[in-house]
Amino acid sequence: MEEQIGHFVEIATDDDIVMGILFRISEELIKITQILPGYGGVLPTLLPTSSVTFIRIQ
């Protein structure tokens, strides 16, 4: 998965879908940078790998 760093990803959890650029991945955490619509801002986001249902790489 490390070779996918910098790619746009869609990550599904039990109750949400989070989209952004994959920044870092470890055994316990996934860090992505979400691009916020409208304002062009970014939001660093940490997701525990245990909460991930699937990851789609675009």
Protein backbone atom coordinates (compact mmCIF):
# COMPACT_ATOMS: atom_id res chain seq x y z
CA MET A 1 0.00 0.00 0.00
CA GLU A 2 2.96 2.33 0.54
CA GLU A 3 3.35 2.69 -3.24
CA GLN A 4 -0.08 4.36 -3.28
CA ILE A 5 1.06 7.36 -1.17
CA GLY A 6 0.04 10.56 -2.96
CA HIS A 7 -2.88 8.95 -4.80
CA PHE A 8 -6.52 9.97 -4.36
CA VAL A 9 -8.37 7.41 -2.23
CA GLU A 10 -11.90 6.73 -1.07
CA ILE A 11 -12.04 5.05 2.34
CA ALA A 12 -15.23 3.50 3.67
CA THR A 13 -15.89 2.95 7.36
CA ASP A 14 -19.01 1.50 8.98
CA ASP A 15 -20.78 4.86 8.88
CA ASP A 16 -18.95 7.17 6.45
CA ILE A 17 -16.95 7.50 3.25
CA VAL A 18 -13.89 9.74 3.42
CA MET A 19 -12.10 10.94 0.29
CA GLY A 20 -8.69 12.52 0.02
CA ILE A 21 -5.04 12.07 -0.82
CA LEU A 22 -3.25 9.23 0.93
CA PHE A 23 -0.49 10.72 3.06
CA ARG A 24 0.72 7.93 5.35
CA ILE A 25 -0.27 4.40 6.29
CA SER A 26 0.84 2.21 9.17
CA GLU A 27 -0.41 -0.95 10.80
CA GLU A 28 -2.74 1.03 13.08
CA LEU A 29 -3.50 4.34 11.31
CA ILE A 30 -4.20 5.78 7.89
CA LYS A 31 -3.57 9.48 7.37
CA ILE A 32 -5.19 11.27 4.45
CA THR A 33 -5.59 14.89 3.48
CA GLN A 34 -9.21 15.69 2.65
CA ILE A 35 -9.89 18.43 0.12
CA LEU A 36 -12.78 20.55 1.39
CA PRO A 37 -15.28 21.57 -1.29
CA GLY A 38 -16.11 25.22 -1.80
CA TYR A 39 -13.27 26.83 0.10
CA GLY A 40 -10.36 24.88 -1.35
CA GLY A 41 -9.06 24.07 2.12
CA VAL A 42 -7.53 20.85 3.33
CA LEU A 43 -8.22 18.79 6.42
CA PRO A 44 -5.66 16.26 7.72
CA THR A 45 -7.56 13.15 8.85
CA LEU A 46 -6.48 10.09 10.83
CA LEU A 47 -8.45 6.87 10.57
CA PRO A 48 -7.78 3.75 12.64
CA THR A 49 -7.24 0.80 10.29
CA SER A 50 -9.62 -1.26 12.42
CA SER A 51 -12.51 1.00 11.33
CA VAL A 52 -11.85 0.68 7.58
CA THR A 53 -14.26 -1.42 5.53
CA PHE A 54 -12.55 -0.88 2.16
CA ILE A 55 -10.17 1.44 0.32
CA ARG A 56 -10.68 2.41 -3.31
CA ILE A 57 -7.64 3.91 -5.05
CA GLN A 58 -8.32 6.20 -7.98
